[in-house]
Amino acid sequence: MDEQLKQIGERLKGLRDALDLTAQEVADACGLNVEKYEKVEQGEEDITISKLMKIAHKYGVSAEELMFAEAPRMKSYFVVRKGQGMSVERTKAYKYQSLVSGYVNHKADVFIVTVEPKPEAHTVYKNNHAGQEFNLVLEGAMDIYLDGKTIRLNEGDSIYFDSSKPHGMLAVGDKAVRFLAAAIG
């Protein structure tokens, strides 16, 4: 994971250099203070997918280019075979596998997210981003914390919500939860 964080940081710095932007401008675009953003560029801090999406949208690149260093190429269709989507482990507990990374100008970011259980967790990290989000639980169960409410989702359950509201999730029980997440807008 540390190598992935370092590579994402290098790509963010490269984007900033190519567009002649200051660290403060990019930090402001994604809602981070400049000190934390500079640590992200140095590979010392993690950055959420939603913040990467904000940067990508603001500066006209795809989130996949920032996460995977791959530019989408397909214009008619894009197939991802089971288990073959480009993936990034955001933290030890979260793994994102992109299902749309190769399609040019996709309107939604779609991932299979795997969240490992954290029985000792008392705090849930929440984020928010523009648009809407759809989650469908494929395996396991999770609690989603959405705008002050806790909603239990079991295998086969789904939720569609305003993703500008603070939201986060935890795996429930002793096994990982896998869910389809589609961020739209």
N, C-alpha and C. Protein backbone atom coordinates (compact mmCIF):
# COMPACT_ATOMS: atom_id res chain seq x y z
N MET A 1 0.82 -1.19 0.00
CA MET A 1 0.00 0.00 0.00
C MET A 1 0.86 1.26 0.00
N ASP A 2 1.96 1.30 0.75
CA ASP A 2 2.80 2.48 0.82
C ASP A 2 3.30 2.88 -0.57
N GLU A 3 3.64 1.89 -1.40
CA GLU A 3 4.09 2.17 -2.76
C GLU A 3 2.96 2.78 -3.58
N GLN A 4 1.75 2.29 -3.41
CA GLN A 4 0.60 2.86 -4.13
C GLN A 4 0.37 4.31 -3.72
N LEU A 5 0.46 4.60 -2.44
CA LEU A 5 0.28 5.98 -1.97
C LEU A 5 1.35 6.88 -2.57
N LYS A 6 2.57 6.38 -2.61
CA LYS A 6 3.67 7.15 -3.19
C LYS A 6 3.42 7.44 -4.67
N GLN A 7 2.95 6.43 -5.41
CA GLN A 7 2.68 6.61 -6.84
C GLN A 7 1.52 7.59 -7.08
N ILE A 8 0.48 7.50 -6.27
CA ILE A 8 -0.63 8.46 -6.40
C ILE A 8 -0.12 9.86 -6.12
N GLY A 9 0.69 10.00 -5.09
CA GLY A 9 1.27 11.31 -4.77
C GLY A 9 2.11 11.86 -5.91
N GLU A 10 2.90 11.00 -6.54
CA GLU A 10 3.72 11.44 -7.68
C GLU A 10 2.84 11.89 -8.85
N ARG A 11 1.75 11.17 -9.09
CA ARG A 11 0.85 11.56 -10.19
C ARG A 11 0.16 12.88 -9.88
N LEU A 12 -0.21 13.10 -8.63
CA LEU A 12 -0.83 14.37 -8.25
C LEU A 12 0.16 15.52 -8.41
N LYS A 13 1.39 15.30 -8.00
CA LYS A 13 2.42 16.34 -8.17
C LYS A 13 2.67 16.60 -9.65
N GLY A 14 2.69 15.54 -10.45
CA GLY A 14 2.87 15.70 -11.89
C GLY A 14 1.74 16.50 -12.52
N LEU A 15 0.51 16.22 -12.10
CA LEU A 15 -0.64 16.98 -12.60
C LEU A 15 -0.51 18.45 -12.21
N ARG A 16 -0.16 18.69 -10.97
CA ARG A 16 -0.01 20.06 -10.49
C ARG A 16 1.09 20.79 -11.26
N ASP A 17 2.21 20.12 -11.49
CA ASP A 17 3.30 20.73 -12.24
C ASP A 17 2.89 21.00 -13.69
N ALA A 18 2.21 20.04 -14.31
CA ALA A 18 1.80 20.20 -15.71
C ALA A 18 0.83 21.36 -15.90
N LEU A 19 -0.01 21.59 -14.89
CA LEU A 19 -1.00 22.67 -15.00
C LEU A 19 -0.54 23.96 -14.32
N ASP A 20 0.70 23.95 -13.82
CA ASP A 20 1.29 25.11 -13.16
C ASP A 20 0.41 25.60 -12.01
N LEU A 21 0.04 24.67 -11.14
CA LEU A 21 -0.81 24.96 -9.99
C LEU A 21 0.01 24.92 -8.72
N THR A 22 -0.42 25.66 -7.73
CA THR A 22 0.23 25.59 -6.42
C THR A 22 -0.41 24.46 -5.63
N ALA A 23 0.31 23.99 -4.63
CA ALA A 23 -0.25 22.96 -3.74
C ALA A 23 -1.51 23.49 -3.06
N GLN A 24 -1.53 24.75 -2.74
CA GLN A 24 -2.71 25.36 -2.09
C GLN A 24 -3.93 25.30 -3.00
N GLU A 25 -3.75 25.55 -4.30
CA GLU A 25 -4.88 25.50 -5.23
C GLU A 25 -5.49 24.10 -5.30
N VAL A 26 -4.65 23.08 -5.38
CA VAL A 26 -5.16 21.71 -5.46
C VAL A 26 -5.76 21.30 -4.13
N ALA A 27 -5.13 21.69 -3.03
CA ALA A 27 -5.68 21.39 -1.70
C ALA A 27 -7.07 22.00 -1.55
N ASP A 28 -7.22 23.24 -2.00
CA ASP A 28 -8.52 23.91 -1.93
C ASP A 28 -9.56 23.19 -2.80
N ALA A 29 -9.13 22.71 -3.96
CA ALA A 29 -10.05 22.04 -4.89
C ALA A 29 -10.64 20.77 -4.30
N CYS A 30 -9.88 20.10 -3.42
CA CYS A 30 -10.39 18.83 -2.87
C CYS A 30 -10.75 18.93 -1.40
N GLY A 31 -10.60 20.12 -0.81
CA GLY A 31 -11.04 20.30 0.57
C GLY A 31 -10.08 19.82 1.63
N LEU A 32 -8.78 19.83 1.32
CA LEU A 32 -7.76 19.48 2.31
C LEU A 32 -6.98 20.72 2.70
N ASN A 33 -6.39 20.72 3.90
CA ASN A 33 -5.47 21.81 4.19
C ASN A 33 -4.17 21.51 3.45
N VAL A 34 -3.42 22.55 3.16
CA VAL A 34 -2.25 22.41 2.28
C VAL A 34 -1.19 21.49 2.89
N GLU A 35 -1.05 21.49 4.23
CA GLU A 35 -0.05 20.63 4.87
C GLU A 35 -0.38 19.15 4.63
N LYS A 36 -1.65 18.79 4.79
CA LYS A 36 -2.06 17.39 4.55
C LYS A 36 -1.90 17.06 3.07
N TYR A 37 -2.29 17.98 2.18
CA TYR A 37 -2.16 17.72 0.75
C TYR A 37 -0.70 17.48 0.38
N GLU A 38 0.22 18.27 0.90
CA GLU A 38 1.64 18.09 0.60
C GLU A 38 2.13 16.73 1.08
N LYS A 39 1.60 16.24 2.21
CA LYS A 39 1.95 14.90 2.70
C LYS A 39 1.40 13.84 1.75
N VAL A 40 0.23 14.10 1.15
CA VAL A 40 -0.33 13.17 0.16
C VAL A 40 0.61 13.09 -1.03
N GLU A 41 1.07 14.23 -1.53
CA GLU A 41 2.00 14.25 -2.66
C GLU A 41 3.30 13.52 -2.35
N GLN A 42 3.71 13.56 -1.10
CA GLN A 42 4.95 12.89 -0.69
C GLN A 42 4.74 11.42 -0.39
N GLY A 43 3.49 10.95 -0.48
CA GLY A 43 3.19 9.54 -0.22
C GLY A 43 3.15 9.19 1.26
N GLU A 44 3.03 10.21 2.12
CA GLU A 44 3.03 9.99 3.56
C GLU A 44 1.63 9.94 4.14
N GLU A 45 0.64 10.40 3.39
CA GLU A 45 -0.76 10.40 3.84
C GLU A 45 -1.63 9.81 2.75
N ASP A 46 -2.72 9.20 3.16
CA ASP A 46 -3.69 8.66 2.22
C ASP A 46 -4.64 9.77 1.78
N ILE A 47 -5.30 9.57 0.66
CA ILE A 47 -6.32 10.48 0.17
C ILE A 47 -7.52 9.64 -0.23
N THR A 48 -8.70 10.12 0.07
CA THR A 48 -9.91 9.35 -0.22
C THR A 48 -10.21 9.36 -1.72
N ILE A 49 -10.97 8.36 -2.14
CA ILE A 49 -11.41 8.28 -3.53
C ILE A 49 -12.22 9.53 -3.88
N SER A 50 -13.08 9.96 -2.96
CA SER A 50 -13.92 11.13 -3.26
C SER A 50 -13.08 12.38 -3.49
N LYS A 51 -11.99 12.54 -2.75
CA LYS A 51 -11.12 13.71 -2.96
C LYS A 51 -10.37 13.59 -4.29
N LEU A 52 -9.94 12.37 -4.63
CA LEU A 52 -9.32 12.17 -5.95
C LEU A 52 -10.30 12.50 -7.07
N MET A 53 -11.56 12.11 -6.88
CA MET A 53 -12.58 12.39 -7.89
C MET A 53 -12.80 13.90 -8.02
N LYS A 54 -12.77 14.63 -6.90
CA LYS A 54 -12.92 16.09 -6.96
C LYS A 54 -11.77 16.72 -7.76
N ILE A 55 -10.55 16.27 -7.51
CA ILE A 55 -9.38 16.79 -8.23
C ILE A 55 -9.50 16.47 -9.71
N ALA A 56 -9.84 15.22 -10.01
CA ALA A 56 -9.96 14.79 -11.41
C ALA A 56 -11.01 15.63 -12.14
N HIS A 57 -12.16 15.81 -11.53
CA HIS A 57 -13.23 16.59 -12.16
C HIS A 57 -12.81 18.04 -12.36
N LYS A 58 -12.21 18.62 -11.36
CA LYS A 58 -11.80 20.03 -11.43
C LYS A 58 -10.78 20.28 -12.54
N TYR A 59 -9.84 19.34 -12.72
CA TYR A 59 -8.74 19.57 -13.66
C TYR A 59 -8.83 18.75 -14.94
N GLY A 60 -9.98 18.12 -15.18
CA GLY A 60 -10.23 17.50 -16.48
C GLY A 60 -9.45 16.23 -16.78
N VAL A 61 -9.17 15.44 -15.74
CA VAL A 61 -8.54 14.13 -15.94
C VAL A 61 -9.46 13.08 -15.34
N SER A 62 -9.18 11.83 -15.60
CA SER A 62 -10.00 10.78 -14.98
C SER A 62 -9.39 10.39 -13.63
N ALA A 63 -10.26 9.97 -12.74
CA ALA A 63 -9.78 9.49 -11.44
C ALA A 63 -8.85 8.28 -11.63
N GLU A 64 -9.12 7.48 -12.66
CA GLU A 64 -8.29 6.31 -12.93
C GLU A 64 -6.86 6.70 -13.28
N GLU A 65 -6.69 7.82 -13.98
CA GLU A 65 -5.34 8.27 -14.30
C GLU A 65 -4.58 8.61 -13.03
N LEU A 66 -5.26 9.19 -12.05
CA LEU A 66 -4.60 9.53 -10.80
C LEU A 66 -4.35 8.29 -9.94
N MET A 67 -5.30 7.34 -9.96
CA MET A 67 -5.15 6.15 -9.13
C MET A 67 -4.24 5.10 -9.75
N PHE A 68 -4.38 4.86 -11.06
CA PHE A 68 -3.73 3.72 -11.70
C PHE A 68 -2.71 4.09 -12.77
N ALA A 69 -2.60 5.37 -13.12
CA ALA A 69 -1.70 5.83 -14.20
C ALA A 69 -2.12 5.25 -15.54
N GLU A 70 -3.39 4.99 -15.70
CA GLU A 70 -3.93 4.46 -16.95
C GLU A 70 -5.01 5.40 -17.45
N ALA A 71 -4.89 5.82 -18.68
CA ALA A 71 -5.93 6.66 -19.27
C ALA A 71 -6.96 5.77 -19.97
N PRO A 72 -8.24 6.05 -19.76
CA PRO A 72 -9.26 5.27 -20.47
C PRO A 72 -9.09 5.40 -21.98
N ARG A 73 -9.40 4.31 -22.72
CA ARG A 73 -9.23 4.33 -24.18
C ARG A 73 -10.49 3.90 -24.93
N MET A 74 -11.36 3.12 -24.31
CA MET A 74 -12.50 2.53 -25.00
C MET A 74 -13.65 3.53 -25.13
N LYS A 75 -14.29 3.53 -26.31
CA LYS A 75 -15.38 4.48 -26.56
C LYS A 75 -16.72 3.80 -26.81
N SER A 76 -16.73 2.54 -27.20
CA SER A 76 -17.98 1.84 -27.47
C SER A 76 -18.42 0.99 -26.29
N TYR A 77 -17.49 0.23 -25.72
CA TYR A 77 -17.78 -0.59 -24.55
C TYR A 77 -16.47 -0.94 -23.86
N PHE A 78 -16.59 -1.43 -22.63
CA PHE A 78 -15.40 -1.83 -21.87
C PHE A 78 -15.81 -3.01 -21.00
N VAL A 79 -15.13 -4.14 -21.14
CA VAL A 79 -15.44 -5.35 -20.39
C VAL A 79 -14.39 -5.55 -19.30
N VAL A 80 -14.86 -5.91 -18.11
CA VAL A 80 -13.97 -6.29 -17.02
C VAL A 80 -14.34 -7.71 -16.64
N ARG A 81 -13.41 -8.63 -16.78
CA ARG A 81 -13.64 -10.02 -16.40
C ARG A 81 -13.55 -10.16 -14.88
N LYS A 82 -14.23 -11.15 -14.36
CA LYS A 82 -14.28 -11.37 -12.91
C LYS A 82 -12.89 -11.31 -12.29
N GLY A 83 -12.75 -10.44 -11.30
CA GLY A 83 -11.50 -10.30 -10.57
C GLY A 83 -10.39 -9.57 -11.31
N GLN A 84 -10.67 -9.04 -12.50
CA GLN A 84 -9.61 -8.47 -13.33
C GLN A 84 -9.58 -6.94 -13.37
N GLY A 85 -10.53 -6.24 -12.75
CA GLY A 85 -10.52 -4.78 -12.78
C GLY A 85 -9.30 -4.22 -12.08
N MET A 86 -8.86 -3.06 -12.53
CA MET A 86 -7.72 -2.41 -11.88
C MET A 86 -8.11 -2.12 -10.44
N SER A 87 -7.20 -2.42 -9.51
CA SER A 87 -7.56 -2.22 -8.12
C SER A 87 -6.48 -1.46 -7.38
N VAL A 88 -6.93 -0.84 -6.31
CA VAL A 88 -6.03 -0.12 -5.42
C VAL A 88 -6.51 -0.37 -4.00
N GLU A 89 -5.58 -0.67 -3.12
CA GLU A 89 -5.91 -0.85 -1.71
C GLU A 89 -5.71 0.49 -1.05
N ARG A 90 -6.79 1.12 -0.64
CA ARG A 90 -6.72 2.47 -0.09
C ARG A 90 -6.14 2.47 1.31
N THR A 91 -6.57 1.54 2.12
CA THR A 91 -6.00 1.34 3.44
C THR A 91 -5.98 -0.17 3.63
N LYS A 92 -5.52 -0.63 4.77
CA LYS A 92 -5.53 -2.08 4.99
C LYS A 92 -6.95 -2.61 5.00
N ALA A 93 -7.94 -1.76 5.26
CA ALA A 93 -9.31 -2.24 5.38
C ALA A 93 -10.12 -2.05 4.09
N TYR A 94 -9.69 -1.21 3.16
CA TYR A 94 -10.48 -0.91 1.97
C TYR A 94 -9.71 -1.24 0.69
N LYS A 95 -10.38 -1.95 -0.22
CA LYS A 95 -9.80 -2.22 -1.53
C LYS A 95 -10.85 -1.83 -2.58
N TYR A 96 -10.45 -1.05 -3.55
CA TYR A 96 -11.34 -0.61 -4.63
C TYR A 96 -10.90 -1.25 -5.93
N GLN A 97 -11.83 -1.91 -6.63
CA GLN A 97 -11.57 -2.48 -7.95
C GLN A 97 -12.45 -1.75 -8.94
N SER A 98 -11.84 -0.99 -9.85
CA SER A 98 -12.59 -0.20 -10.82
C SER A 98 -13.19 -1.09 -11.90
N LEU A 99 -14.43 -0.81 -12.24
CA LEU A 99 -15.11 -1.56 -13.30
C LEU A 99 -15.30 -0.72 -14.56
N VAL A 100 -14.86 0.55 -14.53
CA VAL A 100 -15.05 1.43 -15.69
C VAL A 100 -13.77 2.13 -16.11
N SER A 101 -12.65 1.69 -15.60
CA SER A 101 -11.39 2.43 -15.78
C SER A 101 -10.97 2.60 -17.24
N GLY A 102 -11.38 1.73 -18.11
CA GLY A 102 -10.94 1.82 -19.50
C GLY A 102 -11.88 2.54 -20.44
N TYR A 103 -13.02 3.00 -19.93
CA TYR A 103 -14.02 3.64 -20.79
C TYR A 103 -13.86 5.16 -20.74
N VAL A 104 -13.68 5.77 -21.90
CA VAL A 104 -13.47 7.22 -22.00
C VAL A 104 -14.75 7.97 -21.61
N ASN A 105 -14.58 9.01 -20.84
CA ASN A 105 -15.68 9.91 -20.46
C ASN A 105 -16.85 9.21 -19.79
N HIS A 106 -16.57 8.21 -18.94
CA HIS A 106 -17.66 7.55 -18.24
C HIS A 106 -18.37 8.55 -17.32
N LYS A 107 -19.67 8.35 -17.16
CA LYS A 107 -20.51 9.28 -16.39
C LYS A 107 -20.60 8.88 -14.92
N ALA A 108 -20.15 7.68 -14.60
CA ALA A 108 -20.17 7.20 -13.22
C ALA A 108 -18.84 6.50 -12.93
N ASP A 109 -18.43 6.55 -11.69
CA ASP A 109 -17.28 5.77 -11.23
C ASP A 109 -17.85 4.55 -10.54
N VAL A 110 -17.53 3.36 -11.03
CA VAL A 110 -18.11 2.13 -10.50
C VAL A 110 -16.98 1.24 -10.00
N PHE A 111 -17.12 0.78 -8.76
CA PHE A 111 -16.10 -0.03 -8.11
C PHE A 111 -16.75 -1.22 -7.42
N ILE A 112 -15.98 -2.30 -7.28
CA ILE A 112 -16.30 -3.31 -6.28
C ILE A 112 -15.38 -2.98 -5.11
N VAL A 113 -15.99 -2.73 -3.96
CA VAL A 113 -15.25 -2.33 -2.77
C VAL A 113 -15.26 -3.49 -1.79
N THR A 114 -14.10 -3.80 -1.26
CA THR A 114 -13.98 -4.82 -0.22
C THR A 114 -13.54 -4.12 1.05
N VAL A 115 -14.31 -4.32 2.12
CA VAL A 115 -14.00 -3.70 3.41
C VAL A 115 -13.80 -4.82 4.42
N GLU A 116 -12.62 -4.85 5.00
CA GLU A 116 -12.31 -5.85 6.02
C GLU A 116 -12.95 -5.44 7.34
N PRO A 117 -13.34 -6.42 8.15
CA PRO A 117 -13.96 -6.08 9.44
C PRO A 117 -12.93 -5.46 10.38
N LYS A 118 -13.40 -4.53 11.17
CA LYS A 118 -12.57 -3.89 12.20
C LYS A 118 -13.35 -3.94 13.51
N PRO A 119 -13.29 -5.07 14.22
CA PRO A 119 -14.11 -5.23 15.42
C PRO A 119 -13.84 -4.16 16.48
N GLU A 120 -12.63 -3.65 16.51
CA GLU A 120 -12.27 -2.66 17.54
C GLU A 120 -12.62 -1.24 17.12
N ALA A 121 -13.15 -1.05 15.94
CA ALA A 121 -13.42 0.29 15.42
C ALA A 121 -14.56 0.97 16.18
N HIS A 122 -14.29 2.17 16.60
CA HIS A 122 -15.31 2.98 17.27
C HIS A 122 -15.66 4.21 16.45
N THR A 123 -14.76 4.60 15.59
CA THR A 123 -15.00 5.77 14.75
C THR A 123 -15.10 5.34 13.29
N VAL A 124 -16.01 5.94 12.59
CA VAL A 124 -16.19 5.66 11.18
C VAL A 124 -15.76 6.90 10.43
N TYR A 125 -14.79 6.74 9.49
CA TYR A 125 -14.38 7.86 8.67
C TYR A 125 -15.49 8.14 7.67
N LYS A 126 -15.94 9.38 7.62
CA LYS A 126 -17.01 9.75 6.68
C LYS A 126 -16.45 10.71 5.65
N ASN A 127 -16.96 10.59 4.43
CA ASN A 127 -16.60 11.55 3.39
C ASN A 127 -17.86 11.96 2.65
N ASN A 128 -17.71 12.86 1.76
CA ASN A 128 -18.83 13.28 0.93
C ASN A 128 -18.27 13.76 -0.40
N HIS A 129 -19.10 13.70 -1.42
CA HIS A 129 -18.72 14.16 -2.75
C HIS A 129 -19.98 14.53 -3.50
N ALA A 130 -19.82 15.34 -4.50
CA ALA A 130 -20.97 15.79 -5.28
C ALA A 130 -21.66 14.61 -5.95
N GLY A 131 -22.95 14.73 -6.16
CA GLY A 131 -23.68 13.73 -6.92
C GLY A 131 -24.45 12.77 -6.06
N GLN A 132 -24.58 11.56 -6.57
CA GLN A 132 -25.34 10.51 -5.91
C GLN A 132 -24.51 9.23 -5.93
N GLU A 133 -24.90 8.29 -5.07
CA GLU A 133 -24.17 7.03 -5.00
C GLU A 133 -25.15 5.88 -4.84
N PHE A 134 -24.79 4.75 -5.44
CA PHE A 134 -25.56 3.52 -5.32
C PHE A 134 -24.63 2.44 -4.79
N ASN A 135 -25.04 1.73 -3.75
CA ASN A 135 -24.28 0.61 -3.20
C ASN A 135 -25.18 -0.62 -3.17
N LEU A 136 -24.63 -1.77 -3.62
CA LEU A 136 -25.32 -3.05 -3.59
C LEU A 136 -24.39 -4.06 -2.92
N VAL A 137 -24.84 -4.63 -1.81
CA VAL A 137 -24.01 -5.58 -1.07
C VAL A 137 -23.99 -6.92 -1.81
N LEU A 138 -22.79 -7.36 -2.19
CA LEU A 138 -22.61 -8.62 -2.90
C LEU A 138 -22.37 -9.78 -1.94
N GLU A 139 -21.59 -9.54 -0.90
CA GLU A 139 -21.26 -10.55 0.11
C GLU A 139 -21.12 -9.87 1.46
N GLY A 140 -21.56 -10.54 2.50
CA GLY A 140 -21.39 -10.02 3.85
C GLY A 140 -22.45 -9.01 4.22
N ALA A 141 -22.13 -8.20 5.22
CA ALA A 141 -23.06 -7.18 5.70
C ALA A 141 -22.25 -5.96 6.13
N MET A 142 -22.91 -4.80 6.09
CA MET A 142 -22.24 -3.58 6.52
C MET A 142 -23.25 -2.63 7.14
N ASP A 143 -22.73 -1.77 7.99
CA ASP A 143 -23.50 -0.64 8.49
C ASP A 143 -23.04 0.56 7.69
N ILE A 144 -23.98 1.28 7.12
CA ILE A 144 -23.64 2.52 6.44
C ILE A 144 -24.14 3.66 7.32
N TYR A 145 -23.26 4.59 7.56
CA TYR A 145 -23.55 5.76 8.37
C TYR A 145 -23.78 6.90 7.40
N LEU A 146 -25.02 7.38 7.37
CA LEU A 146 -25.42 8.35 6.36
C LEU A 146 -26.17 9.50 7.01
N ASP A 147 -25.53 10.65 7.01
CA ASP A 147 -26.19 11.87 7.49
C ASP A 147 -26.82 11.68 8.87
N GLY A 148 -26.06 11.06 9.78
CA GLY A 148 -26.52 10.90 11.16
C GLY A 148 -27.33 9.65 11.43
N LYS A 149 -27.58 8.83 10.43
CA LYS A 149 -28.34 7.59 10.60
C LYS A 149 -27.42 6.40 10.36
N THR A 150 -27.77 5.26 10.98
CA THR A 150 -27.06 4.01 10.76
C THR A 150 -28.04 3.05 10.09
N ILE A 151 -27.65 2.53 8.93
CA ILE A 151 -28.50 1.63 8.17
C ILE A 151 -27.74 0.33 7.93
N ARG A 152 -28.33 -0.80 8.36
CA ARG A 152 -27.72 -2.10 8.16
C ARG A 152 -28.09 -2.62 6.78
N LEU A 153 -27.08 -3.01 5.99
CA LEU A 153 -27.31 -3.61 4.68
C LEU A 153 -26.72 -5.02 4.69
N ASN A 154 -27.54 -5.98 4.32
CA ASN A 154 -27.12 -7.37 4.23
C ASN A 154 -26.95 -7.75 2.76
N GLU A 155 -26.42 -8.92 2.52
CA GLU A 155 -26.22 -9.42 1.16
C GLU A 155 -27.50 -9.27 0.34
N GLY A 156 -27.38 -8.64 -0.83
CA GLY A 156 -28.53 -8.42 -1.70
C GLY A 156 -29.23 -7.10 -1.48
N ASP A 157 -28.97 -6.42 -0.36
CA ASP A 157 -29.58 -5.11 -0.08
C ASP A 157 -28.84 -4.03 -0.85
N SER A 158 -29.55 -2.95 -1.16
CA SER A 158 -28.92 -1.82 -1.84
C SER A 158 -29.43 -0.51 -1.26
N ILE A 159 -28.70 0.53 -1.55
CA ILE A 159 -29.08 1.87 -1.13
C ILE A 159 -28.64 2.86 -2.21
N TYR A 160 -29.47 3.85 -2.45
CA TYR A 160 -29.16 4.94 -3.37
C TYR A 160 -29.31 6.21 -2.55
N PHE A 161 -28.30 7.09 -2.61
CA PHE A 161 -28.35 8.25 -1.71
C PHE A 161 -27.63 9.46 -2.28
N ASP A 162 -27.90 10.60 -1.65
CA ASP A 162 -27.26 11.87 -1.96
C ASP A 162 -25.86 11.83 -1.34
N SER A 163 -24.84 11.70 -2.17
CA SER A 163 -23.48 11.52 -1.64
C SER A 163 -22.84 12.82 -1.18
N SER A 164 -23.56 13.93 -1.27
CA SER A 164 -23.04 15.17 -0.68
C SER A 164 -23.23 15.15 0.84
N LYS A 165 -24.04 14.21 1.33
CA LYS A 165 -24.24 14.02 2.77
C LYS A 165 -23.09 13.17 3.30
N PRO A 166 -22.58 13.47 4.49
CA PRO A 166 -21.49 12.66 5.05
C PRO A 166 -21.90 11.20 5.15
N HIS A 167 -21.02 10.30 4.67
CA HIS A 167 -21.31 8.87 4.70
C HIS A 167 -20.03 8.06 4.87
N GLY A 168 -20.19 6.90 5.49
CA GLY A 168 -19.09 5.98 5.70
C GLY A 168 -19.66 4.62 6.02
N MET A 169 -18.82 3.61 6.07
CA MET A 169 -19.33 2.27 6.33
C MET A 169 -18.33 1.43 7.10
N LEU A 170 -18.88 0.40 7.76
CA LEU A 170 -18.07 -0.60 8.46
C LEU A 170 -18.61 -1.97 8.11
N ALA A 171 -17.72 -2.93 7.93
CA ALA A 171 -18.14 -4.32 7.77
C ALA A 171 -18.70 -4.80 9.10
N VAL A 172 -19.75 -5.62 9.03
CA VAL A 172 -20.39 -6.15 10.23
C VAL A 172 -20.03 -7.63 10.34
N GLY A 173 -19.72 -8.05 11.54
CA GLY A 173 -19.36 -9.45 11.75
C GLY A 173 -17.87 -9.68 11.59
N ASP A 174 -17.50 -10.93 11.32
CA ASP A 174 -16.08 -11.27 11.28
C ASP A 174 -15.57 -11.55 9.87
N LYS A 175 -16.39 -11.25 8.84
CA LYS A 175 -15.89 -11.44 7.48
C LYS A 175 -16.03 -10.14 6.69
N ALA A 176 -15.25 -10.04 5.65
CA ALA A 176 -15.25 -8.83 4.83
C ALA A 176 -16.60 -8.67 4.14
N VAL A 177 -16.92 -7.43 3.84
CA VAL A 177 -18.10 -7.13 3.01
C VAL A 177 -17.60 -6.71 1.65
N ARG A 178 -18.27 -7.18 0.59
CA ARG A 178 -17.98 -6.77 -0.78
C ARG A 178 -19.23 -6.13 -1.32
N PHE A 179 -19.07 -4.92 -1.88
CA PHE A 179 -20.24 -4.28 -2.44
C PHE A 179 -19.89 -3.52 -3.70
N LEU A 180 -20.88 -3.37 -4.55
CA LEU A 180 -20.77 -2.59 -5.77
C LEU A 180 -21.09 -1.14 -5.38
N ALA A 181 -20.22 -0.22 -5.73
CA ALA A 181 -20.43 1.20 -5.46
C ALA A 181 -20.36 1.96 -6.77
N ALA A 182 -21.39 2.73 -7.04
CA ALA A 182 -21.43 3.56 -8.25
C ALA A 182 -21.63 5.00 -7.80
N ALA A 183 -20.65 5.85 -8.09
CA ALA A 183 -20.74 7.28 -7.79
C ALA A 183 -21.10 7.98 -9.09
N ILE A 184 -22.19 8.72 -9.06
CA ILE A 184 -22.72 9.35 -10.27
C ILE A 184 -22.74 10.86 -10.08
N GLY A 185 -22.24 11.54 -11.10
CA GLY A 185 -22.30 13.01 -11.06
C GLY A 185 -21.06 13.57 -10.54
